[in-house]
PDB file of N, CA and C in Angstrom:
ATOM      1  N   MET A   1     122.319  44.816  68.545  1.00  0.00           N
ATOM      2  CA  MET A   1     122.223  45.787  69.612  1.00  0.00           C
ATOM      3  C   MET A   1     121.695  47.081  69.027  1.00  0.00           C
ATOM      4  N   LYS A   2     120.921  47.805  69.838  1.00  0.00           N
ATOM      5  CA  LYS A   2     120.330  49.079  69.431  1.00  0.00           C
ATOM      6  C   LYS A   2     120.615  50.143  70.485  1.00  0.00           C
ATOM      7  N   LEU A   3     120.620  51.396  70.037  1.00  0.00           N
ATOM      8  CA  LEU A   3     120.697  52.547  70.928  1.00  0.00           C
ATOM      9  C   LEU A   3     119.342  53.241  70.859  1.00  0.00           C
ATOM     10  N   VAL A   4     118.646  53.281  71.984  1.00  0.00           N
ATOM     11  CA  VAL A   4     117.358  53.966  72.068  1.00  0.00           C
ATOM     12  C   VAL A   4     117.630  55.353  72.637  1.00  0.00           C
ATOM     13  N   VAL A   5     117.283  56.381  71.873  1.00  0.00           N
ATOM     14  CA  VAL A   5     117.455  57.768  72.295  1.00  0.00           C
ATOM     15  C   VAL A   5     116.061  58.350  72.450  1.00  0.00           C
ATOM     16  N   ALA A   6     115.700  58.718  73.679  1.00  0.00           N
ATOM     17  CA  ALA A   6     114.366  59.245  73.961  1.00  0.00           C
ATOM     18  C   ALA A   6     114.490  60.665  74.504  1.00  0.00           C
ATOM     19  N   ILE A   7     113.806  61.599  73.859  1.00  0.00           N
ATOM     20  CA  ILE A   7     113.758  62.977  74.337  1.00  0.00           C
ATOM     21  C   ILE A   7     112.426  63.131  75.042  1.00  0.00           C
ATOM     22  N   VAL A   8     112.483  63.358  76.361  1.00  0.00           N
ATOM     23  CA  VAL A   8     111.272  63.367  77.178  1.00  0.00           C
ATOM     24  C   VAL A   8     111.176  64.671  77.964  1.00  0.00           C
ATOM     25  N   HIS A   9     109.971  64.989  78.416  1.00  0.00           N
ATOM     26  CA  HIS A   9     109.745  66.167  79.254  1.00  0.00           C
ATOM     27  C   HIS A   9     110.427  65.931  80.602  1.00  0.00           C
ATOM     28  N   SER A  10     111.000  66.966  81.166  1.00  0.00           N
ATOM     29  CA  SER A  10     111.757  66.810  82.417  1.00  0.00           C
ATOM     30  C   SER A  10     110.904  66.251  83.550  1.00  0.00           C
ATOM     31  N   GLU A  11     109.600  66.508  83.540  1.00  0.00           N
ATOM     32  CA  GLU A  11     108.724  65.982  84.599  1.00  0.00           C
ATOM     33  C   GLU A  11     108.595  64.467  84.545  1.00  0.00           C
ATOM     34  N   ASP A  12     108.835  63.868  83.398  1.00  0.00           N
ATOM     35  CA  ASP A  12     108.695  62.415  83.237  1.00  0.00           C
ATOM     36  C   ASP A  12     109.993  61.655  83.478  1.00  0.00           C
ATOM     37  N   THR A  13     111.084  62.367  83.663  1.00  0.00           N
ATOM     38  CA  THR A  13     112.407  61.737  83.741  1.00  0.00           C
ATOM     39  C   THR A  13     112.529  60.765  84.905  1.00  0.00           C
ATOM     40  N   GLY A  14     112.118  61.188  86.091  1.00  0.00           N
ATOM     41  CA  GLY A  14     112.264  60.334  87.273  1.00  0.00           C
ATOM     42  C   GLY A  14     111.539  59.018  87.135  1.00  0.00           C
ATOM     43  N   ALA A  15     110.306  59.073  86.667  1.00  0.00           N
ATOM     44  CA  ALA A  15     109.518  57.848  86.510  1.00  0.00           C
ATOM     45  C   ALA A  15     110.137  56.927  85.456  1.00  0.00           C
ATOM     46  N   LEU A  16     110.607  57.513  84.352  1.00  0.00           N
ATOM     47  CA  LEU A  16     111.210  56.696  83.294  1.00  0.00           C
ATOM     48  C   LEU A  16     112.502  56.049  83.767  1.00  0.00           C
ATOM     49  N   LEU A  17     113.390  56.821  84.372  1.00  0.00           N
ATOM     50  CA  LEU A  17     114.653  56.244  84.847  1.00  0.00           C
ATOM     51  C   LEU A  17     114.408  55.181  85.909  1.00  0.00           C
ATOM     52  N   GLY A  18     113.458  55.410  86.795  1.00  0.00           N
ATOM     53  CA  GLY A  18     113.124  54.402  87.799  1.00  0.00           C
ATOM     54  C   GLY A  18     112.634  53.106  87.177  1.00  0.00           C
ATOM     55  N   ALA A  19     111.761  53.219  86.167  1.00  0.00           N
ATOM     56  CA  ALA A  19     111.242  52.035  85.484  1.00  0.00           C
ATOM     57  C   ALA A  19     112.341  51.299  84.735  1.00  0.00           C
ATOM     58  N   LEU A  20     113.233  52.046  84.088  1.00  0.00           N
ATOM     59  CA  LEU A  20     114.340  51.405  83.360  1.00  0.00           C
ATOM     60  C   LEU A  20     115.272  50.669  84.310  1.00  0.00           C
ATOM     61  N   LEU A  21     115.643  51.319  85.400  1.00  0.00           N
ATOM     62  CA  LEU A  21     116.551  50.687  86.360  1.00  0.00           C
ATOM     63  C   LEU A  21     115.914  49.478  87.027  1.00  0.00           C
ATOM     64  N   GLU A  22     114.624  49.560  87.297  1.00  0.00           N
ATOM     65  CA  GLU A  22     113.908  48.437  87.911  1.00  0.00           C
ATOM     66  C   GLU A  22     113.951  47.195  87.025  1.00  0.00           C
ATOM     67  N   ARG A  23     113.967  47.401  85.700  1.00  0.00           N
ATOM     68  CA  ARG A  23     114.024  46.296  84.747  1.00  0.00           C
ATOM     69  C   ARG A  23     115.455  45.923  84.361  1.00  0.00           C
ATOM     70  N   GLY A  24     116.449  46.576  84.967  1.00  0.00           N
ATOM     71  CA  GLY A  24     117.838  46.223  84.719  1.00  0.00           C
ATOM     72  C   GLY A  24     118.478  46.909  83.524  1.00  0.00           C
ATOM     73  N   HIS A  25     117.875  47.988  83.044  1.00  0.00           N
ATOM     74  CA  HIS A  25     118.443  48.727  81.913  1.00  0.00           C
ATOM     75  C   HIS A  25     119.264  49.905  82.418  1.00  0.00           C
ATOM     76  N   ARG A  26     120.498  49.993  81.959  1.00  0.00           N
ATOM     77  CA  ARG A  26     121.336  51.147  82.291  1.00  0.00           C
ATOM     78  C   ARG A  26     120.979  52.274  81.338  1.00  0.00           C
ATOM     79  N   ALA A  27     120.982  53.495  81.837  1.00  0.00           N
ATOM     80  CA  ALA A  27     120.608  54.633  81.007  1.00  0.00           C
ATOM     81  C   ALA A  27     121.527  55.804  81.293  1.00  0.00           C
ATOM     82  N   THR A  28     121.718  56.636  80.287  1.00  0.00           N
ATOM     83  CA  THR A  28     122.481  57.871  80.430  1.00  0.00           C
ATOM     84  C   THR A  28     121.513  59.026  80.230  1.00  0.00           C
ATOM     85  N   ARG A  29     121.571  59.994  81.139  1.00  0.00           N
ATOM     86  CA  ARG A  29     120.679  61.151  81.108  1.00  0.00           C
ATOM     87  C   ARG A  29     121.469  62.390  80.676  1.00  0.00           C
ATOM     88  N   LEU A  30     120.946  63.110  79.692  1.00  0.00           N
ATOM     89  CA  LEU A  30     121.547  64.358  79.226  1.00  0.00           C
ATOM     90  C   LEU A  30     120.487  65.459  79.306  1.00  0.00           C
ATOM     91  N   SER A  31     120.792  66.548  79.984  1.00  0.00           N
ATOM     92  CA  SER A  31     119.850  67.662  80.034  1.00  0.00           C
ATOM     93  C   SER A  31     119.848  68.370  78.696  1.00  0.00           C
ATOM     94  N   SER A  32     118.668  68.778  78.252  1.00  0.00           N
ATOM     95  CA  SER A  32     118.542  69.482  76.981  1.00  0.00           C
ATOM     96  C   SER A  32     117.349  70.427  77.071  1.00  0.00           C
ATOM     97  N   SER A  33     117.183  71.256  76.083  1.00  0.00           N
ATOM     98  CA  SER A  33     116.019  72.139  76.048  1.00  0.00           C
ATOM     99  C   SER A  33     115.623  72.362  74.608  1.00  0.00           C
ATOM    100  N   GLY A  34     114.429  72.845  74.429  1.00  0.00           N
ATOM    101  CA  GLY A  34     113.963  73.100  73.086  1.00  0.00           C
ATOM    102  C   GLY A  34     112.478  72.882  72.996  1.00  0.00           C
ATOM    103  N   GLY A  35     111.996  72.809  71.800  1.00  0.00           N
ATOM    104  CA  GLY A  35     110.579  72.597  71.600  1.00  0.00           C
ATOM    105  C   GLY A  35     109.800  73.895  71.598  1.00  0.00           C
ATOM    106  N   PHE A  36     108.497  73.757  71.489  1.00  0.00           N
ATOM    107  CA  PHE A  36     107.600  74.894  71.350  1.00  0.00           C
ATOM    108  C   PHE A  36     107.686  75.866  72.523  1.00  0.00           C
ATOM    109  N   LEU A  37     107.717  75.351  73.744  1.00  0.00           N
ATOM    110  CA  LEU A  37     107.718  76.221  74.921  1.00  0.00           C
ATOM    111  C   LEU A  37     109.113  76.464  75.467  1.00  0.00           C
ATOM    112  N   ARG A  38     110.128  75.927  74.829  1.00  0.00           N
ATOM    113  CA  ARG A  38     111.523  76.043  75.279  1.00  0.00           C
ATOM    114  C   ARG A  38     111.675  75.605  76.735  1.00  0.00           C
ATOM    115  N   GLN A  39     110.965  74.566  77.100  1.00  0.00           N
ATOM    116  CA  GLN A  39     111.055  74.043  78.448  1.00  0.00           C
ATOM    117  C   GLN A  39     112.152  72.996  78.515  1.00  0.00           C
ATOM    118  N   ALA A  40     112.527  72.669  79.749  1.00  0.00           N
ATOM    119  CA  ALA A  40     113.593  71.692  79.945  1.00  0.00           C
ATOM    120  C   ALA A  40     113.143  70.313  79.484  1.00  0.00           C
ATOM    121  N   ASN A  41     113.964  69.703  78.681  1.00  0.00           N
ATOM    122  CA  ASN A  41     113.786  68.328  78.253  1.00  0.00           C
ATOM    123  C   ASN A  41     114.975  67.531  78.759  1.00  0.00           C
ATOM    124  N   VAL A  42     114.840  66.236  78.689  1.00  0.00           N
ATOM    125  CA  VAL A  42     115.940  65.351  79.044  1.00  0.00           C
ATOM    126  C   VAL A  42     116.068  64.328  77.932  1.00  0.00           C
ATOM    127  N   THR A  43     117.300  64.069  77.517  1.00  0.00           N
ATOM    128  CA  THR A  43     117.563  63.038  76.529  1.00  0.00           C
ATOM    129  C   THR A  43     118.100  61.823  77.268  1.00  0.00           C
ATOM    130  N   ILE A  44     117.400  60.715  77.120  1.00  0.00           N
ATOM    131  CA  ILE A  44     117.785  59.456  77.766  1.00  0.00           C
ATOM    132  C   ILE A  44     118.332  58.527  76.684  1.00  0.00           C
ATOM    133  N   MET A  45     119.524  57.980  76.909  1.00  0.00           N
ATOM    134  CA  MET A  45     120.116  57.034  75.971  1.00  0.00           C
ATOM    135  C   MET A  45     120.244  55.679  76.660  1.00  0.00           C
ATOM    136  N   VAL A  46     119.754  54.646  75.972  1.00  0.00           N
ATOM    137  CA  VAL A  46     119.782  53.291  76.527  1.00  0.00           C
ATOM    138  C   VAL A  46     120.291  52.345  75.452  1.00  0.00           C
ATOM    139  N   GLY A  47     121.347  51.615  75.742  1.00  0.00           N
ATOM    140  CA  GLY A  47     121.840  50.576  74.850  1.00  0.00           C
ATOM    141  C   GLY A  47     121.202  49.258  75.233  1.00  0.00           C
ATOM    142  N   VAL A  48     120.509  48.612  74.281  1.00  0.00           N
ATOM    143  CA  VAL A  48     119.796  47.370  74.586  1.00  0.00           C
ATOM    144  C   VAL A  48     119.997  46.353  73.472  1.00  0.00           C
ATOM    145  N   ASP A  49     119.847  45.085  73.836  1.00  0.00           N
ATOM    146  CA  ASP A  49     119.848  44.026  72.836  1.00  0.00           C
ATOM    147  C   ASP A  49     118.582  44.156  71.994  1.00  0.00           C
ATOM    148  N   ASP A  50     118.643  43.639  70.778  1.00  0.00           N
ATOM    149  CA  ASP A  50     117.520  43.766  69.854  1.00  0.00           C
ATOM    150  C   ASP A  50     116.206  43.267  70.448  1.00  0.00           C
ATOM    151  N   ASP A  51     116.256  42.183  71.211  1.00  0.00           N
ATOM    152  CA  ASP A  51     115.022  41.616  71.758  1.00  0.00           C
ATOM    153  C   ASP A  51     114.449  42.411  72.938  1.00  0.00           C
ATOM    154  N   LYS A  52     115.150  43.412  73.424  1.00  0.00           N
ATOM    155  CA  LYS A  52     114.673  44.225  74.550  1.00  0.00           C
ATOM    156  C   LYS A  52     114.162  45.607  74.114  1.00  0.00           C
ATOM    157  N   VAL A  53     114.251  45.909  72.817  1.00  0.00           N
ATOM    158  CA  VAL A  53     113.834  47.235  72.335  1.00  0.00           C
ATOM    159  C   VAL A  53     112.360  47.478  72.639  1.00  0.00           C
ATOM    160  N   GLU A  54     111.498  46.523  72.356  1.00  0.00           N
ATOM    161  CA  GLU A  54     110.063  46.709  72.586  1.00  0.00           C
ATOM    162  C   GLU A  54     109.748  46.906  74.062  1.00  0.00           C
ATOM    163  N   GLU A  55     110.486  46.228  74.934  1.00  0.00           N
ATOM    164  CA  GLU A  55     110.291  46.415  76.380  1.00  0.00           C
ATOM    165  C   GLU A  55     110.620  47.848  76.790  1.00  0.00           C
ATOM    166  N   VAL A  56     111.738  48.374  76.278  1.00  0.00           N
ATOM    167  CA  VAL A  56     112.128  49.751  76.597  1.00  0.00           C
ATOM    168  C   VAL A  56     111.111  50.740  76.036  1.00  0.00           C
ATOM    169  N   LEU A  57     110.644  50.513  74.814  1.00  0.00           N
ATOM    170  CA  LEU A  57     109.633  51.392  74.229  1.00  0.00           C
ATOM    171  C   LEU A  57     108.335  51.362  75.027  1.00  0.00           C
ATOM    172  N   ALA A  58     107.963  50.196  75.537  1.00  0.00           N
ATOM    173  CA  ALA A  58     106.753  50.093  76.362  1.00  0.00           C
ATOM    174  C   ALA A  58     106.909  50.887  77.656  1.00  0.00           C
ATOM    175  N   LEU A  59     108.095  50.854  78.255  1.00  0.00           N
ATOM    176  CA  LEU A  59     108.340  51.637  79.473  1.00  0.00           C
ATOM    177  C   LEU A  59     108.254  53.137  79.178  1.00  0.00           C
ATOM    178  N   ILE A  60     108.774  53.547  78.041  1.00  0.00           N
ATOM    179  CA  ILE A  60     108.700  54.962  77.665  1.00  0.00           C
ATOM    180  C   ILE A  60     107.239  55.365  77.457  1.00  0.00           C
ATOM    181  N   ARG A  61     106.476  54.536  76.757  1.00  0.00           N
ATOM    182  CA  ARG A  61     105.048  54.830  76.531  1.00  0.00           C
ATOM    183  C   ARG A  61     104.281  54.930  77.852  1.00  0.00           C
ATOM    184  N   ALA A  62     104.614  54.067  78.796  1.00  0.00           N
ATOM    185  CA  ALA A  62     103.893  54.026  80.070  1.00  0.00           C
ATOM    186  C   ALA A  62     104.221  55.213  80.974  1.00  0.00           C
ATOM    187  N   THR A  63     105.431  55.734  80.888  1.00  0.00           N
ATOM    188  CA  THR A  63     105.849  56.778  81.837  1.00  0.00           C
ATOM    189  C   THR A  63     105.879  58.183  81.251  1.00  0.00           C
ATOM    190  N   CYS A  64     105.878  58.322  79.956  1.00  0.00           N
ATOM    191  CA  CYS A  64     105.995  59.645  79.315  1.00  0.00           C
ATOM    192  C   CYS A  64     104.703  59.969  78.577  1.00  0.00           C
ATOM    193  N   THR A  65     103.720  60.404  79.326  1.00  0.00           N
ATOM    194  CA  THR A  65     102.407  60.660  78.746  1.00  0.00           C
ATOM    195  C   THR A  65     102.247  62.126  78.365  1.00  0.00           C
ATOM    196  N   SER A  66     101.416  62.367  77.368  1.00  0.00           N
ATOM    197  CA  SER A  66     101.096  63.737  76.968  1.00  0.00           C
ATOM    198  C   SER A  66     100.025  64.291  77.903  1.00  0.00           C
ATOM    199  N   ARG A  67     100.070  65.589  78.132  1.00  0.00           N
ATOM    200  CA  ARG A  67      99.064  66.257  78.957  1.00  0.00           C
ATOM    201  C   ARG A  67      98.930  67.690  78.469  1.00  0.00           C
ATOM    202  N   THR A  68      97.869  68.343  78.866  1.00  0.00           N
ATOM    203  CA  THR A  68      97.670  69.723  78.438  1.00  0.00           C
ATOM    204  C   THR A  68      98.060  70.667  79.560  1.00  0.00           C
ATOM    205  N   ARG A  69      98.499  71.845  79.167  1.00  0.00           N
ATOM    206  CA  ARG A  69      98.909  72.869  80.120  1.00  0.00           C
ATOM    207  C   ARG A  69      98.466  74.221  79.551  1.00  0.00           C
ATOM    208  N   VAL A  70      98.046  75.109  80.433  1.00  0.00           N
ATOM    209  CA  VAL A  70      97.643  76.450  80.023  1.00  0.00           C
ATOM    210  C   VAL A  70      98.837  77.375  80.204  1.00  0.00           C
ATOM    211  N   VAL A  71      99.204  78.095  79.128  1.00  0.00           N
ATOM    212  CA  VAL A  71     100.356  79.001  79.165  1.00  0.00           C
ATOM    213  C   VAL A  71      99.932  80.367  78.641  1.00  0.00           C
ATOM    214  N   ASN A  72     100.646  81.377  79.068  1.00  0.00           N
ATOM    215  CA  ASN A  72     100.447  82.719  78.539  1.00  0.00           C
ATOM    216  C   ASN A  72     101.444  82.934  77.407  1.00  0.00           C
ATOM    217  N   PRO A  73     100.969  83.374  76.250  1.00  0.00           N
ATOM    218  CA  PRO A  73     101.893  83.564  75.124  1.00  0.00           C
ATOM    219  C   PRO A  73     102.812  84.747  75.370  1.00  0.00           C
ATOM    220  N   MET A  74     103.961  84.699  74.696  1.00  0.00           N
ATOM    221  CA  MET A  74     104.901  85.816  74.756  1.00  0.00           C
ATOM    222  C   MET A  74     104.328  86.970  73.936  1.00  0.00           C
ATOM    223  N   PRO A  75     104.409  88.195  74.461  1.00  0.00           N
ATOM    224  CA  PRO A  75     103.887  89.316  73.664  1.00  0.00           C
ATOM    225  C   PRO A  75     104.774  89.562  72.447  1.00  0.00           C
ATOM    226  N   PRO A  76     104.164  89.939  71.333  1.00  0.00           N
ATOM    227  CA  PRO A  76     104.968  90.225  70.137  1.00  0.00           C
ATOM    228  C   PRO A  76     105.704  91.545  70.313  1.00  0.00           C
ATOM    229  N   ILE A  77     106.697  91.755  69.485  1.00  0.00           N
ATOM    230  CA  ILE A  77     107.393  93.043  69.495  1.00  0.00           C
ATOM    231  C   ILE A  77     106.413  94.076  68.934  1.00  0.00           C
ATOM    232  N   MET A  78     106.163  95.096  69.718  1.00  0.00           N
ATOM    233  CA  MET A  78     105.113  96.041  69.354  1.00  0.00           C
ATOM    234  C   MET A  78     105.679  97.454  69.242  1.00  0.00           C
ATOM    235  N   GLU A  79     104.992  98.237  68.481  1.00  0.00           N
ATOM    236  CA  GLU A  79     105.329  99.648  68.343  1.00  0.00           C
ATOM    237  C   GLU A  79     104.768 100.411  69.537  1.00  0.00           C
ATOM    238  N   PRO A  80     105.369 101.542  69.901  1.00  0.00           N
ATOM    239  CA  PRO A  80     104.816 102.341  70.996  1.00  0.00           C
ATOM    240  C   PRO A  80     103.358 102.716  70.714  1.00  0.00           C
ATOM    241  N   GLY A  81     102.546 102.585  71.744  1.00  0.00           N
ATOM    242  CA  GLY A  81     101.138 102.933  71.624  1.00  0.00           C
ATOM    243  C   GLY A  81     100.248 101.760  71.269  1.00  0.00           C
ATOM    244  N   GLU A  82     100.833 100.632  70.829  1.00  0.00           N
ATOM    245  CA  GLU A  82     100.015  99.465  70.517  1.00  0.00           C
ATOM    246  C   GLU A  82      99.667  98.755  71.816  1.00  0.00           C
ATOM    247  N   PHE A  83      98.583  98.005  71.792  1.00  0.00           N
ATOM    248  CA  PHE A  83      98.103  97.310  72.985  1.00  0.00           C
ATOM    249  C   PHE A  83      97.983  95.823  72.670  1.00  0.00           C
ATOM    250  N   PHE A  84      98.557  94.987  73.525  1.00  0.00           N
ATOM    251  CA  PHE A  84      98.507  93.532  73.340  1.00  0.00           C
ATOM    252  C   PHE A  84      97.788  92.919  74.524  1.00  0.00           C
ATOM    253  N   MET A  85      96.743  92.182  74.264  1.00  0.00           N
ATOM    254  CA  MET A  85      95.995  91.507  75.319  1.00  0.00           C
ATOM    255  C   MET A  85      96.272  90.012  75.213  1.00  0.00           C
ATOM    256  N   PRO A  86      97.138  89.476  76.100  1.00  0.00           N
ATOM    257  CA  PRO A  86      97.454  88.046  76.002  1.00  0.00           C
ATOM    258  C   PRO A  86      96.297  87.202  76.533  1.00  0.00           C
ATOM    259  N   TYR A  87      95.972  86.174  75.784  1.00  0.00           N
ATOM    260  CA  TYR A  87      94.971  85.209  76.223  1.00  0.00           C
ATOM    261  C   TYR A  87      95.687  83.893  76.477  1.00  0.00           C
ATOM    262  N   PRO A  88      95.389  83.246  77.590  1.00  0.00           N
ATOM    263  CA  PRO A  88      96.031  81.954  77.862  1.00  0.00           C
ATOM    264  C   PRO A  88      95.704  80.944  76.757  1.00  0.00           C
ATOM    265  N   LEU A  89      96.693  80.128  76.439  1.00  0.00           N
ATOM    266  CA  LEU A  89      96.540  79.077  75.435  1.00  0.00           C
ATOM    267  C   LEU A  89      96.674  77.720  76.099  1.00  0.00           C
ATOM    268  N   GLU A  90      95.891  76.770  75.634  1.00  0.00           N
ATOM    269  CA  GLU A  90      96.031  75.403  76.113  1.00  0.00           C
ATOM    270  C   GLU A  90      96.887  74.648  75.104  1.00  0.00           C
ATOM    271  N   VAL A  91      98.011  74.095  75.565  1.00  0.00           N
ATOM    272  CA  VAL A  91      98.933  73.384  74.679  1.00  0.00           C
ATOM    273  C   VAL A  91      99.208  71.994  75.245  1.00  0.00           C
ATOM    274  N   GLU A  92      99.629  71.111  74.370  1.00  0.00           N
ATOM    275  CA  GLU A  92      99.977  69.755  74.785  1.00  0.00           C
ATOM    276  C   GLU A  92     101.466  69.678  75.075  1.00  0.00           C
ATOM    277  N   VAL A  93     101.822  69.133  76.242  1.00  0.00           N
ATOM    278  CA  VAL A  93     103.220  68.936  76.616  1.00  0.00           C
ATOM    279  C   VAL A  93     103.421  67.482  77.004  1.00  0.00           C
ATOM    280  N   GLY A  94     104.663  67.091  77.132  1.00  0.00           N
ATOM    281  CA  GLY A  94     104.971  65.724  77.547  1.00  0.00           C
ATOM    282  C   GLY A  94     105.101  64.798  76.360  1.00  0.00           C
ATOM    283  N   GLY A  95     104.962  63.525  76.627  1.00  0.00           N
ATOM    284  CA  GLY A  95     105.178  62.540  75.584  1.00  0.00           C
ATOM    285  C   GLY A  95     106.671  62.318  75.391  1.00  0.00           C
ATOM    286  N   ALA A  96     107.025  61.740  74.299  1.00  0.00           N
ATOM    287  CA  ALA A  96     108.437  61.462  74.024  1.00  0.00           C
ATOM    288  C   ALA A  96     108.672  61.406  72.527  1.00  0.00           C
ATOM    289  N   THR A  97     109.871  61.776  72.141  1.00  0.00           N
ATOM    290  CA  THR A  97     110.342  61.566  70.781  1.00  0.00           C
ATOM    291  C   THR A  97     111.455  60.533  70.886  1.00  0.00           C
ATOM    292  N   VAL A  98     111.310  59.428  70.173  1.00  0.00           N
ATOM    293  CA  VAL A  98     112.224  58.294  70.352  1.00  0.00           C
ATOM    294  C   VAL A  98     112.868  57.918  69.022  1.00  0.00           C
ATOM    295  N   PHE A  99     114.164  57.694  69.077  1.00  0.00           N
ATOM    296  CA  PHE A  99     114.936  57.207  67.933  1.00  0.00           C
ATOM    297  C   PHE A  99     115.546  55.864  68.330  1.00  0.00           C
ATOM    298  N   VAL A 100     115.469  54.892  67.457  1.00  0.00           N
ATOM    299  CA  VAL A 100     116.112  53.595  67.679  1.00  0.00           C
ATOM    300  C   VAL A 100     117.156  53.438  66.582  1.00  0.00           C
ATOM    301  N   LEU A 101     118.419  53.376  67.013  1.00  0.00           N
ATOM    302  CA  LEU A 101     119.544  53.362  66.077  1.00  0.00           C
ATOM    303  C   LEU A 101     120.317  52.052  66.185  1.00  0.00           C
ATOM    304  N   PRO A 102     120.798  51.531  65.065  1.00  0.00           N
ATOM    305  CA  PRO A 102     121.629  50.325  65.134  1.00  0.00           C
ATOM    306  C   PRO A 102     123.003  50.662  65.714  1.00  0.00           C
ATOM    307  N   VAL A 103     123.545  49.726  66.468  1.00  0.00           N
ATOM    308  CA  VAL A 103     124.874  49.892  67.065  1.00  0.00           C
ATOM    309  C   VAL A 103     125.787  48.857  66.438  1.00  0.00           C
ATOM    310  N   GLU A 104     126.829  49.327  65.792  1.00  0.00           N
ATOM    311  CA  GLU A 104     127.757  48.418  65.124  1.00  0.00           C
ATOM    312  C   GLU A 104     128.688  47.745  66.139  1.00  0.00           C
ATOM    313  N   ARG A 105     129.092  48.504  67.153  1.00  0.00           N
ATOM    314  CA  ARG A 105     130.043  47.970  68.130  1.00  0.00           C
ATOM    315  C   ARG A 105     129.751  48.587  69.476  1.00  0.00           C
ATOM    316  N   PHE A 106     129.895  47.777  70.531  1.00  0.00           N
ATOM    317  CA  PHE A 106     129.659  48.228  71.882  1.00  0.00           C
ATOM    318  C   PHE A 106     130.755  47.680  72.784  1.00  0.00           C
ATOM    319  N   GLU A 107     131.360  48.546  73.608  1.00  0.00           N
ATOM    320  CA  GLU A 107     132.376  48.111  74.570  1.00  0.00           C
ATOM    321  C   GLU A 107     132.121  48.805  75.888  1.00  0.00           C
ATOM    322  N   ARG A 108     132.190  48.079  76.960  1.00  0.00           N
ATOM    323  CA  ARG A 108     132.112  48.669  78.302  1.00  0.00           C
ATOM    324  C   ARG A 108     133.532  48.646  78.859  1.00  0.00           C
ATOM    325  N   ILE A 109     134.082  49.823  79.125  1.00  0.00           N
ATOM    326  CA  ILE A 109     135.478  49.929  79.570  1.00  0.00           C
ATOM    327  C   ILE A 109     135.512  50.406  81.003  1.00  0.00           C
TER     328      ILE A 109
END
């Protein structure tokens, strides 16, 4: 048995959970934040048998895609009289960070 822990962009959560449930996988959703833009992320935990790990990873790949977004950078801390001209930046968001961990024991109570 394995524990799949996927940290995904909040916009991808609905599609991923729907795909997991459609295939009969139970999942736990934890709200989290962090990353470059400090945007909302979601941590999805799924306990699966060893032979189902690749299926879960394929669902994550299919639903959690990377995309670009234009953001305005935060102005730096400046001294009085200095002038900061922010230019929009194009950054990549989305995708997933996935950990697959061995599970020594599992009980449903």
